[in-house]
Amino acid sequence: MPSLKNPDAERNNPCLKEQEASYKCLDKNGFDAEKCELYFDNYNTCKKFWGKVSKDRRAKGLTPYLPDLTEREHVKQEYLKNVYFTS
């Protein structure tokens, strides 16, 4: 579900769901960050992954650097297949 404030937010931020889950956790827990560490870790992992994807695509001359929404699930599946099954 796209952010209500910015309809293009999901297209521009592949980690929007993780980001919003972190905010929701903070709000629910009186902004006690310790209670939301797993959400932060998940968000940071997501940002690192898509940052690597963007960097790799840029290095290969692929545009857009961040895959379209319709391609993202396929990109994640290919990454998981390469990481876990080629070791």
PDB file of N, CA and C in Angstrom:
ATOM      1  N   MET A   1       0.838  -1.179   0.000  1.00  0.00           N
ATOM      2  CA  MET A   1       0.000   0.000   0.000  1.00  0.00           C
ATOM      3  C   MET A   1       0.882   1.241   0.000  1.00  0.00           C
ATOM      4  N   PRO A   2       0.743   2.124  -0.969  1.00  0.00           N
ATOM      5  CA  PRO A   2       1.553   3.336  -1.015  1.00  0.00           C
ATOM      6  C   PRO A   2       1.257   4.260   0.157  1.00  0.00           C
ATOM      7  N   SER A   3       2.253   5.010   0.532  1.00  0.00           N
ATOM      8  CA  SER A   3       2.083   6.000   1.589  1.00  0.00           C
ATOM      9  C   SER A   3       1.015   6.990   1.182  1.00  0.00           C
ATOM     10  N   LEU A   4       0.181   7.372   2.127  1.00  0.00           N
ATOM     11  CA  LEU A   4      -0.899   8.315   1.830  1.00  0.00           C
ATOM     12  C   LEU A   4      -0.365   9.705   1.506  1.00  0.00           C
ATOM     13  N   LYS A   5       0.791  10.050   2.054  1.00  0.00           N
ATOM     14  CA  LYS A   5       1.354  11.377   1.819  1.00  0.00           C
ATOM     15  C   LYS A   5       2.000  11.491   0.448  1.00  0.00           C
ATOM     16  N   ASN A   6       2.527  10.400  -0.066  1.00  0.00           N
ATOM     17  CA  ASN A   6       3.233  10.421  -1.340  1.00  0.00           C
ATOM     18  C   ASN A   6       2.876   9.174  -2.129  1.00  0.00           C
ATOM     19  N   PRO A   7       2.037   9.309  -3.138  1.00  0.00           N
ATOM     20  CA  PRO A   7       1.619   8.123  -3.897  1.00  0.00           C
ATOM     21  C   PRO A   7       2.763   7.414  -4.622  1.00  0.00           C
ATOM     22  N   ASP A   8       3.877   8.095  -4.862  1.00  0.00           N
ATOM     23  CA  ASP A   8       5.030   7.481  -5.527  1.00  0.00           C
ATOM     24  C   ASP A   8       6.051   6.930  -4.539  1.00  0.00           C
ATOM     25  N   ALA A   9       5.734   6.972  -3.260  1.00  0.00           N
ATOM     26  CA  ALA A   9       6.702   6.582  -2.239  1.00  0.00           C
ATOM     27  C   ALA A   9       7.189   5.150  -2.415  1.00  0.00           C
ATOM     28  N   GLU A  10       6.292   4.220  -2.718  1.00  0.00           N
ATOM     29  CA  GLU A  10       6.710   2.825  -2.862  1.00  0.00           C
ATOM     30  C   GLU A  10       7.609   2.639  -4.081  1.00  0.00           C
ATOM     31  N   ARG A  11       7.335   3.362  -5.146  1.00  0.00           N
ATOM     32  CA  ARG A  11       8.167   3.282  -6.343  1.00  0.00           C
ATOM     33  C   ARG A  11       9.570   3.805  -6.052  1.00  0.00           C
ATOM     34  N   ASN A  12       9.660   4.851  -5.250  1.00  0.00           N
ATOM     35  CA  ASN A  12      10.943   5.487  -4.940  1.00  0.00           C
ATOM     36  C   ASN A  12      11.666   4.855  -3.757  1.00  0.00           C
ATOM     37  N   ASN A  13      10.945   4.131  -2.913  1.00  0.00           N
ATOM     38  CA  ASN A  13      11.524   3.550  -1.713  1.00  0.00           C
ATOM     39  C   ASN A  13      11.124   2.079  -1.618  1.00  0.00           C
ATOM     40  N   PRO A  14      12.002   1.177  -2.033  1.00  0.00           N
ATOM     41  CA  PRO A  14      11.658  -0.243  -2.000  1.00  0.00           C
ATOM     42  C   PRO A  14      11.495  -0.792  -0.584  1.00  0.00           C
ATOM     43  N   CYS A  15      11.882  -0.015   0.403  1.00  0.00           N
ATOM     44  CA  CYS A  15      11.789  -0.448   1.805  1.00  0.00           C
ATOM     45  C   CYS A  15      10.697   0.310   2.557  1.00  0.00           C
ATOM     46  N   LEU A  16       9.736   0.821   1.829  1.00  0.00           N
ATOM     47  CA  LEU A  16       8.675   1.613   2.455  1.00  0.00           C
ATOM     48  C   LEU A  16       7.923   0.819   3.510  1.00  0.00           C
ATOM     49  N   LYS A  17       7.593  -0.428   3.218  1.00  0.00           N
ATOM     50  CA  LYS A  17       6.853  -1.245   4.189  1.00  0.00           C
ATOM     51  C   LYS A  17       7.650  -1.429   5.477  1.00  0.00           C
ATOM     52  N   GLU A  18       8.940  -1.689   5.331  1.00  0.00           N
ATOM     53  CA  GLU A  18       9.799  -1.869   6.505  1.00  0.00           C
ATOM     54  C   GLU A  18       9.944  -0.563   7.285  1.00  0.00           C
ATOM     55  N   GLN A  19      10.043   0.540   6.555  1.00  0.00           N
ATOM     56  CA  GLN A  19      10.149   1.842   7.198  1.00  0.00           C
ATOM     57  C   GLN A  19       8.880   2.156   7.991  1.00  0.00           C
ATOM     58  N   GLU A  20       7.742   1.955   7.370  1.00  0.00           N
ATOM     59  CA  GLU A  20       6.477   2.253   8.038  1.00  0.00           C
ATOM     60  C   GLU A  20       6.231   1.321   9.219  1.00  0.00           C
ATOM     61  N   ALA A  21       6.676   0.048   9.109  1.00  0.00           N
ATOM     62  CA  ALA A  21       6.555  -0.877  10.236  1.00  0.00           C
ATOM     63  C   ALA A  21       7.401  -0.397  11.417  1.00  0.00           C
ATOM     64  N   SER A  22       8.577   0.159  11.126  1.00  0.00           N
ATOM     65  CA  SER A  22       9.431   0.705  12.187  1.00  0.00           C
ATOM     66  C   SER A  22       8.752   1.869  12.884  1.00  0.00           C
ATOM     67  N   TYR A  23       8.172   2.767  12.083  1.00  0.00           N
ATOM     68  CA  TYR A  23       7.465   3.916  12.655  1.00  0.00           C
ATOM     69  C   TYR A  23       6.277   3.470  13.497  1.00  0.00           C
ATOM     70  N   LYS A  24       5.556   2.478  12.992  1.00  0.00           N
ATOM     71  CA  LYS A  24       4.381   1.981  13.707  1.00  0.00           C
ATOM     72  C   LYS A  24       4.796   1.363  15.047  1.00  0.00           C
ATOM     73  N   CYS A  25       5.905   0.604  15.026  1.00  0.00           N
ATOM     74  CA  CYS A  25       6.417   0.004  16.253  1.00  0.00           C
ATOM     75  C   CYS A  25       6.787   1.079  17.274  1.00  0.00           C
ATOM     76  N   LEU A  26       7.494   2.100  16.799  1.00  0.00           N
ATOM     77  CA  LEU A  26       7.867   3.198  17.703  1.00  0.00           C
ATOM     78  C   LEU A  26       6.641   3.849  18.313  1.00  0.00           C
ATOM     79  N   ASP A  27       5.658   4.135  17.490  1.00  0.00           N
ATOM     80  CA  ASP A  27       4.427   4.770  17.963  1.00  0.00           C
ATOM     81  C   ASP A  27       3.716   3.882  18.985  1.00  0.00           C
ATOM     82  N   LYS A  28       3.656   2.601  18.694  1.00  0.00           N
ATOM     83  CA  LYS A  28       2.975   1.639  19.569  1.00  0.00           C
ATOM     84  C   LYS A  28       3.694   1.482  20.913  1.00  0.00           C
ATOM     85  N   ASN A  29       5.011   1.641  20.905  1.00  0.00           N
ATOM     86  CA  ASN A  29       5.813   1.397  22.111  1.00  0.00           C
ATOM     87  C   ASN A  29       6.346   2.665  22.759  1.00  0.00           C
ATOM     88  N   GLY A  30       5.635   3.765  22.579  1.00  0.00           N
ATOM     89  CA  GLY A  30       6.031   5.014  23.230  1.00  0.00           C
ATOM     90  C   GLY A  30       7.411   5.485  22.821  1.00  0.00           C
ATOM     91  N   PHE A  31       7.801   5.215  21.591  1.00  0.00           N
ATOM     92  CA  PHE A  31       9.083   5.628  21.029  1.00  0.00           C
ATOM     93  C   PHE A  31      10.288   5.061  21.780  1.00  0.00           C
ATOM     94  N   ASP A  32      10.083   3.849  22.341  1.00  0.00           N
ATOM     95  CA  ASP A  32      11.173   3.108  22.976  1.00  0.00           C
ATOM     96  C   ASP A  32      11.875   2.306  21.875  1.00  0.00           C
ATOM     97  N   ALA A  33      12.996   2.831  21.410  1.00  0.00           N
ATOM     98  CA  ALA A  33      13.698   2.233  20.273  1.00  0.00           C
ATOM     99  C   ALA A  33      14.161   0.805  20.553  1.00  0.00           C
ATOM    100  N   GLU A  34      14.486   0.481  21.778  1.00  0.00           N
ATOM    101  CA  GLU A  34      14.947  -0.870  22.107  1.00  0.00           C
ATOM    102  C   GLU A  34      13.902  -1.919  21.770  1.00  0.00           C
ATOM    103  N   LYS A  35      12.642  -1.582  21.910  1.00  0.00           N
ATOM    104  CA  LYS A  35      11.567  -2.528  21.625  1.00  0.00           C
ATOM    105  C   LYS A  35      11.363  -2.739  20.120  1.00  0.00           C
ATOM    106  N   CYS A  36      11.990  -1.921  19.324  1.00  0.00           N
ATOM    107  CA  CYS A  36      11.786  -1.987  17.874  1.00  0.00           C
ATOM    108  C   CYS A  36      13.052  -2.354  17.110  1.00  0.00           C
ATOM    109  N   GLU A  37      14.042  -2.871  17.798  1.00  0.00           N
ATOM    110  CA  GLU A  37      15.321  -3.172  17.143  1.00  0.00           C
ATOM    111  C   GLU A  37      15.177  -4.134  15.972  1.00  0.00           C
ATOM    112  N   LEU A  38      14.317  -5.137  16.084  1.00  0.00           N
ATOM    113  CA  LEU A  38      14.131  -6.075  14.977  1.00  0.00           C
ATOM    114  C   LEU A  38      13.576  -5.370  13.741  1.00  0.00           C
ATOM    115  N   TYR A  39      12.690  -4.422  13.946  1.00  0.00           N
ATOM    116  CA  TYR A  39      12.147  -3.654  12.826  1.00  0.00           C
ATOM    117  C   TYR A  39      13.246  -2.812  12.175  1.00  0.00           C
ATOM    118  N   PHE A  40      14.090  -2.212  12.998  1.00  0.00           N
ATOM    119  CA  PHE A  40      15.194  -1.406  12.470  1.00  0.00           C
ATOM    120  C   PHE A  40      16.182  -2.283  11.703  1.00  0.00           C
ATOM    121  N   ASP A  41      16.479  -3.459  12.262  1.00  0.00           N
ATOM    122  CA  ASP A  41      17.393  -4.379  11.583  1.00  0.00           C
ATOM    123  C   ASP A  41      16.826  -4.797  10.224  1.00  0.00           C
ATOM    124  N   ASN A  42      15.544  -5.095  10.199  1.00  0.00           N
ATOM    125  CA  ASN A  42      14.898  -5.490   8.948  1.00  0.00           C
ATOM    126  C   ASN A  42      14.959  -4.350   7.930  1.00  0.00           C
ATOM    127  N   TYR A  43      14.682  -3.146   8.372  1.00  0.00           N
ATOM    128  CA  TYR A  43      14.733  -1.980   7.487  1.00  0.00           C
ATOM    129  C   TYR A  43      16.157  -1.768   6.963  1.00  0.00           C
ATOM    130  N   ASN A  44      17.147  -1.859   7.840  1.00  0.00           N
ATOM    131  CA  ASN A  44      18.535  -1.663   7.421  1.00  0.00           C
ATOM    132  C   ASN A  44      18.997  -2.738   6.443  1.00  0.00           C
ATOM    133  N   THR A  45      18.578  -3.985   6.673  1.00  0.00           N
ATOM    134  CA  THR A  45      18.899  -5.067   5.744  1.00  0.00           C
ATOM    135  C   THR A  45      18.285  -4.789   4.380  1.00  0.00           C
ATOM    136  N   CYS A  46      17.056  -4.337   4.374  1.00  0.00           N
ATOM    137  CA  CYS A  46      16.370  -3.993   3.127  1.00  0.00           C
ATOM    138  C   CYS A  46      17.118  -2.884   2.396  1.00  0.00           C
ATOM    139  N   LYS A  47      17.486  -1.838   3.091  1.00  0.00           N
ATOM    140  CA  LYS A  47      18.196  -0.718   2.460  1.00  0.00           C
ATOM    141  C   LYS A  47      19.538  -1.167   1.892  1.00  0.00           C
ATOM    142  N   LYS A  48      20.252  -2.017   2.626  1.00  0.00           N
ATOM    143  CA  LYS A  48      21.535  -2.523   2.129  1.00  0.00           C
ATOM    144  C   LYS A  48      21.337  -3.346   0.865  1.00  0.00           C
ATOM    145  N   PHE A  49      20.332  -4.212   0.872  1.00  0.00           N
ATOM    146  CA  PHE A  49      20.072  -5.057  -0.291  1.00  0.00           C
ATOM    147  C   PHE A  49      19.778  -4.211  -1.519  1.00  0.00           C
ATOM    148  N   TRP A  50      18.828  -3.291  -1.428  1.00  0.00           N
ATOM    149  CA  TRP A  50      18.449  -2.494  -2.595  1.00  0.00           C
ATOM    150  C   TRP A  50      19.543  -1.513  -2.974  1.00  0.00           C
ATOM    151  N   GLY A  51      20.360  -1.093  -2.011  1.00  0.00           N
ATOM    152  CA  GLY A  51      21.517  -0.264  -2.334  1.00  0.00           C
ATOM    153  C   GLY A  51      22.516  -1.038  -3.184  1.00  0.00           C
ATOM    154  N   LYS A  52      22.723  -2.321  -2.829  1.00  0.00           N
ATOM    155  CA  LYS A  52      23.623  -3.174  -3.606  1.00  0.00           C
ATOM    156  C   LYS A  52      23.054  -3.412  -5.001  1.00  0.00           C
ATOM    157  N   VAL A  53      21.766  -3.677  -5.082  1.00  0.00           N
ATOM    158  CA  VAL A  53      21.127  -3.882  -6.385  1.00  0.00           C
ATOM    159  C   VAL A  53      21.320  -2.645  -7.258  1.00  0.00           C
ATOM    160  N   SER A  54      21.058  -1.469  -6.685  1.00  0.00           N
ATOM    161  CA  SER A  54      21.207  -0.225  -7.449  1.00  0.00           C
ATOM    162  C   SER A  54      22.648  -0.017  -7.901  1.00  0.00           C
ATOM    163  N   LYS A  55      23.585  -0.280  -7.016  1.00  0.00           N
ATOM    164  CA  LYS A  55      25.001  -0.126  -7.352  1.00  0.00           C
ATOM    165  C   LYS A  55      25.400  -1.088  -8.471  1.00  0.00           C
ATOM    166  N   ASP A  56      24.962  -2.328  -8.370  1.00  0.00           N
ATOM    167  CA  ASP A  56      25.280  -3.327  -9.395  1.00  0.00           C
ATOM    168  C   ASP A  56      24.668  -2.947 -10.745  1.00  0.00           C
ATOM    169  N   ARG A  57      23.421  -2.487 -10.734  1.00  0.00           N
ATOM    170  CA  ARG A  57      22.760  -2.095 -11.980  1.00  0.00           C
ATOM    171  C   ARG A  57      23.459  -0.886 -12.597  1.00  0.00           C
ATOM    172  N   ARG A  58      23.851   0.061 -11.757  1.00  0.00           N
ATOM    173  CA  ARG A  58      24.566   1.242 -12.250  1.00  0.00           C
ATOM    174  C   ARG A  58      25.878   0.825 -12.906  1.00  0.00           C
ATOM    175  N   ALA A  59      26.610  -0.097 -12.252  1.00  0.00           N
ATOM    176  CA  ALA A  59      27.893  -0.565 -12.782  1.00  0.00           C
ATOM    177  C   ALA A  59      27.716  -1.299 -14.115  1.00  0.00           C
ATOM    178  N   LYS A  60      26.583  -1.955 -14.297  1.00  0.00           N
ATOM    179  CA  LYS A  60      26.302  -2.683 -15.539  1.00  0.00           C
ATOM    180  C   LYS A  60      25.654  -1.800 -16.601  1.00  0.00           C
ATOM    181  N   GLY A  61      25.369  -0.549 -16.246  1.00  0.00           N
ATOM    182  CA  GLY A  61      24.734   0.366 -17.193  1.00  0.00           C
ATOM    183  C   GLY A  61      23.247   0.139 -17.351  1.00  0.00           C
ATOM    184  N   LEU A  62      22.634  -0.554 -16.396  1.00  0.00           N
ATOM    185  CA  LEU A  62      21.191  -0.810 -16.446  1.00  0.00           C
ATOM    186  C   LEU A  62      20.424   0.347 -15.829  1.00  0.00           C
ATOM    187  N   THR A  63      19.374   0.756 -16.500  1.00  0.00           N
ATOM    188  CA  THR A  63      18.500   1.778 -15.940  1.00  0.00           C
ATOM    189  C   THR A  63      17.070   1.280 -15.981  1.00  0.00           C
ATOM    190  N   PRO A  64      16.250   1.688 -15.075  1.00  0.00           N
ATOM    191  CA  PRO A  64      16.603   2.510 -13.922  1.00  0.00           C
ATOM    192  C   PRO A  64      17.465   1.725 -12.932  1.00  0.00           C
ATOM    193  N   TYR A  65      18.204   2.455 -12.136  1.00  0.00           N
ATOM    194  CA  TYR A  65      19.091   1.810 -11.175  1.00  0.00           C
ATOM    195  C   TYR A  65      18.303   0.992 -10.156  1.00  0.00           C
ATOM    196  N   LEU A  66      17.158   1.486  -9.793  1.00  0.00           N
ATOM    197  CA  LEU A  66      16.265   0.773  -8.892  1.00  0.00           C
ATOM    198  C   LEU A  66      15.199   0.109  -9.756  1.00  0.00           C
ATOM    199  N   PRO A  67      15.096  -1.217  -9.733  1.00  0.00           N
ATOM    200  CA  PRO A  67      14.129  -1.894 -10.596  1.00  0.00           C
ATOM    201  C   PRO A  67      12.704  -1.398 -10.369  1.00  0.00           C
ATOM    202  N   ASP A  68      11.909  -1.480 -11.411  1.00  0.00           N
ATOM    203  CA  ASP A  68      10.504  -1.116 -11.338  1.00  0.00           C
ATOM    204  C   ASP A  68       9.794  -2.017 -10.324  1.00  0.00           C
ATOM    205  N   LEU A  69       8.707  -1.533  -9.779  1.00  0.00           N
ATOM    206  CA  LEU A  69       7.939  -2.304  -8.792  1.00  0.00           C
ATOM    207  C   LEU A  69       7.628  -3.715  -9.278  1.00  0.00           C
ATOM    208  N   THR A  70       7.306  -3.850 -10.547  1.00  0.00           N
ATOM    209  CA  THR A  70       6.922  -5.150 -11.083  1.00  0.00           C
ATOM    210  C   THR A  70       8.100  -6.113 -11.178  1.00  0.00           C
ATOM    211  N   GLU A  71       9.309  -5.612 -11.163  1.00  0.00           N
ATOM    212  CA  GLU A  71      10.516  -6.447 -11.277  1.00  0.00           C
ATOM    213  C   GLU A  71      11.120  -6.826  -9.926  1.00  0.00           C
ATOM    214  N   ARG A  72      10.752  -6.146  -8.886  1.00  0.00           N
ATOM    215  CA  ARG A  72      11.464  -6.297  -7.607  1.00  0.00           C
ATOM    216  C   ARG A  72      11.377  -7.686  -7.005  1.00  0.00           C
ATOM    217  N   GLU A  73      10.226  -8.311  -7.063  1.00  0.00           N
ATOM    218  CA  GLU A  73      10.107  -9.651  -6.497  1.00  0.00           C
ATOM    219  C   GLU A  73      11.009 -10.625  -7.257  1.00  0.00           C
ATOM    220  N   HIS A  74      11.053 -10.505  -8.562  1.00  0.00           N
ATOM    221  CA  HIS A  74      11.924 -11.353  -9.377  1.00  0.00           C
ATOM    222  C   HIS A  74      13.396 -11.118  -9.015  1.00  0.00           C
ATOM    223  N   VAL A  75      13.788  -9.871  -8.847  1.00  0.00           N
ATOM    224  CA  VAL A  75      15.170  -9.537  -8.476  1.00  0.00           C
ATOM    225  C   VAL A  75      15.513 -10.176  -7.132  1.00  0.00           C
ATOM    226  N   LYS A  76      14.603 -10.082  -6.163  1.00  0.00           N
ATOM    227  CA  LYS A  76      14.850 -10.694  -4.847  1.00  0.00           C
ATOM    228  C   LYS A  76      14.996 -12.204  -4.969  1.00  0.00           C
ATOM    229  N   GLN A  77      14.123 -12.840  -5.744  1.00  0.00           N
ATOM    230  CA  GLN A  77      14.183 -14.293  -5.893  1.00  0.00           C
ATOM    231  C   GLN A  77      15.489 -14.735  -6.563  1.00  0.00           C
ATOM    232  N   GLU A  78      15.909 -14.003  -7.588  1.00  0.00           N
ATOM    233  CA  GLU A  78      17.169 -14.326  -8.264  1.00  0.00           C
ATOM    234  C   GLU A  78      18.348 -14.176  -7.312  1.00  0.00           C
ATOM    235  N   TYR A  79      18.328 -13.137  -6.503  1.00  0.00           N
ATOM    236  CA  TYR A  79      19.400 -12.928  -5.541  1.00  0.00           C
ATOM    237  C   TYR A  79      19.451 -14.084  -4.544  1.00  0.00           C
ATOM    238  N   LEU A  80      18.301 -14.454  -4.005  1.00  0.00           N
ATOM    239  CA  LEU A  80      18.268 -15.547  -3.032  1.00  0.00           C
ATOM    240  C   LEU A  80      18.733 -16.857  -3.657  1.00  0.00           C
ATOM    241  N   LYS A  81      18.331 -17.110  -4.890  1.00  0.00           N
ATOM    242  CA  LYS A  81      18.742 -18.328  -5.582  1.00  0.00           C
ATOM    243  C   LYS A  81      20.262 -18.327  -5.754  1.00  0.00           C
ATOM    244  N   ASN A  82      20.826 -17.215  -6.149  1.00  0.00           N
ATOM    245  CA  ASN A  82      22.276 -17.129  -6.368  1.00  0.00           C
ATOM    246  C   ASN A  82      23.062 -17.211  -5.075  1.00  0.00           C
ATOM    247  N   VAL A  83      22.551 -16.612  -4.021  1.00  0.00           N
ATOM    248  CA  VAL A  83      23.267 -16.598  -2.753  1.00  0.00           C
ATOM    249  C   VAL A  83      23.219 -17.961  -2.068  1.00  0.00           C
ATOM    250  N   TYR A  84      22.049 -18.578  -2.034  1.00  0.00           N
ATOM    251  CA  TYR A  84      21.891 -19.799  -1.258  1.00  0.00           C
ATOM    252  C   TYR A  84      22.146 -21.084  -2.028  1.00  0.00           C
ATOM    253  N   PHE A  85      22.072 -21.051  -3.342  1.00  0.00           N
ATOM    254  CA  PHE A  85      22.207 -22.295  -4.087  1.00  0.00           C
ATOM    255  C   PHE A  85      23.504 -22.398  -4.874  1.00  0.00           C
ATOM    256  N   THR A  86      24.302 -21.358  -4.873  1.00  0.00           N
ATOM    257  CA  THR A  86      25.586 -21.438  -5.563  1.00  0.00           C
ATOM    258  C   THR A  86      26.739 -21.577  -4.591  1.00  0.00           C
ATOM    259  N   SER A  87      26.431 -21.633  -3.318  1.00  0.00           N
ATOM    260  CA  SER A  87      27.488 -21.739  -2.309  1.00  0.00           C
ATOM    261  C   SER A  87      28.009 -23.144  -2.201  1.00  0.00           C
TER     262      SER A  87
END
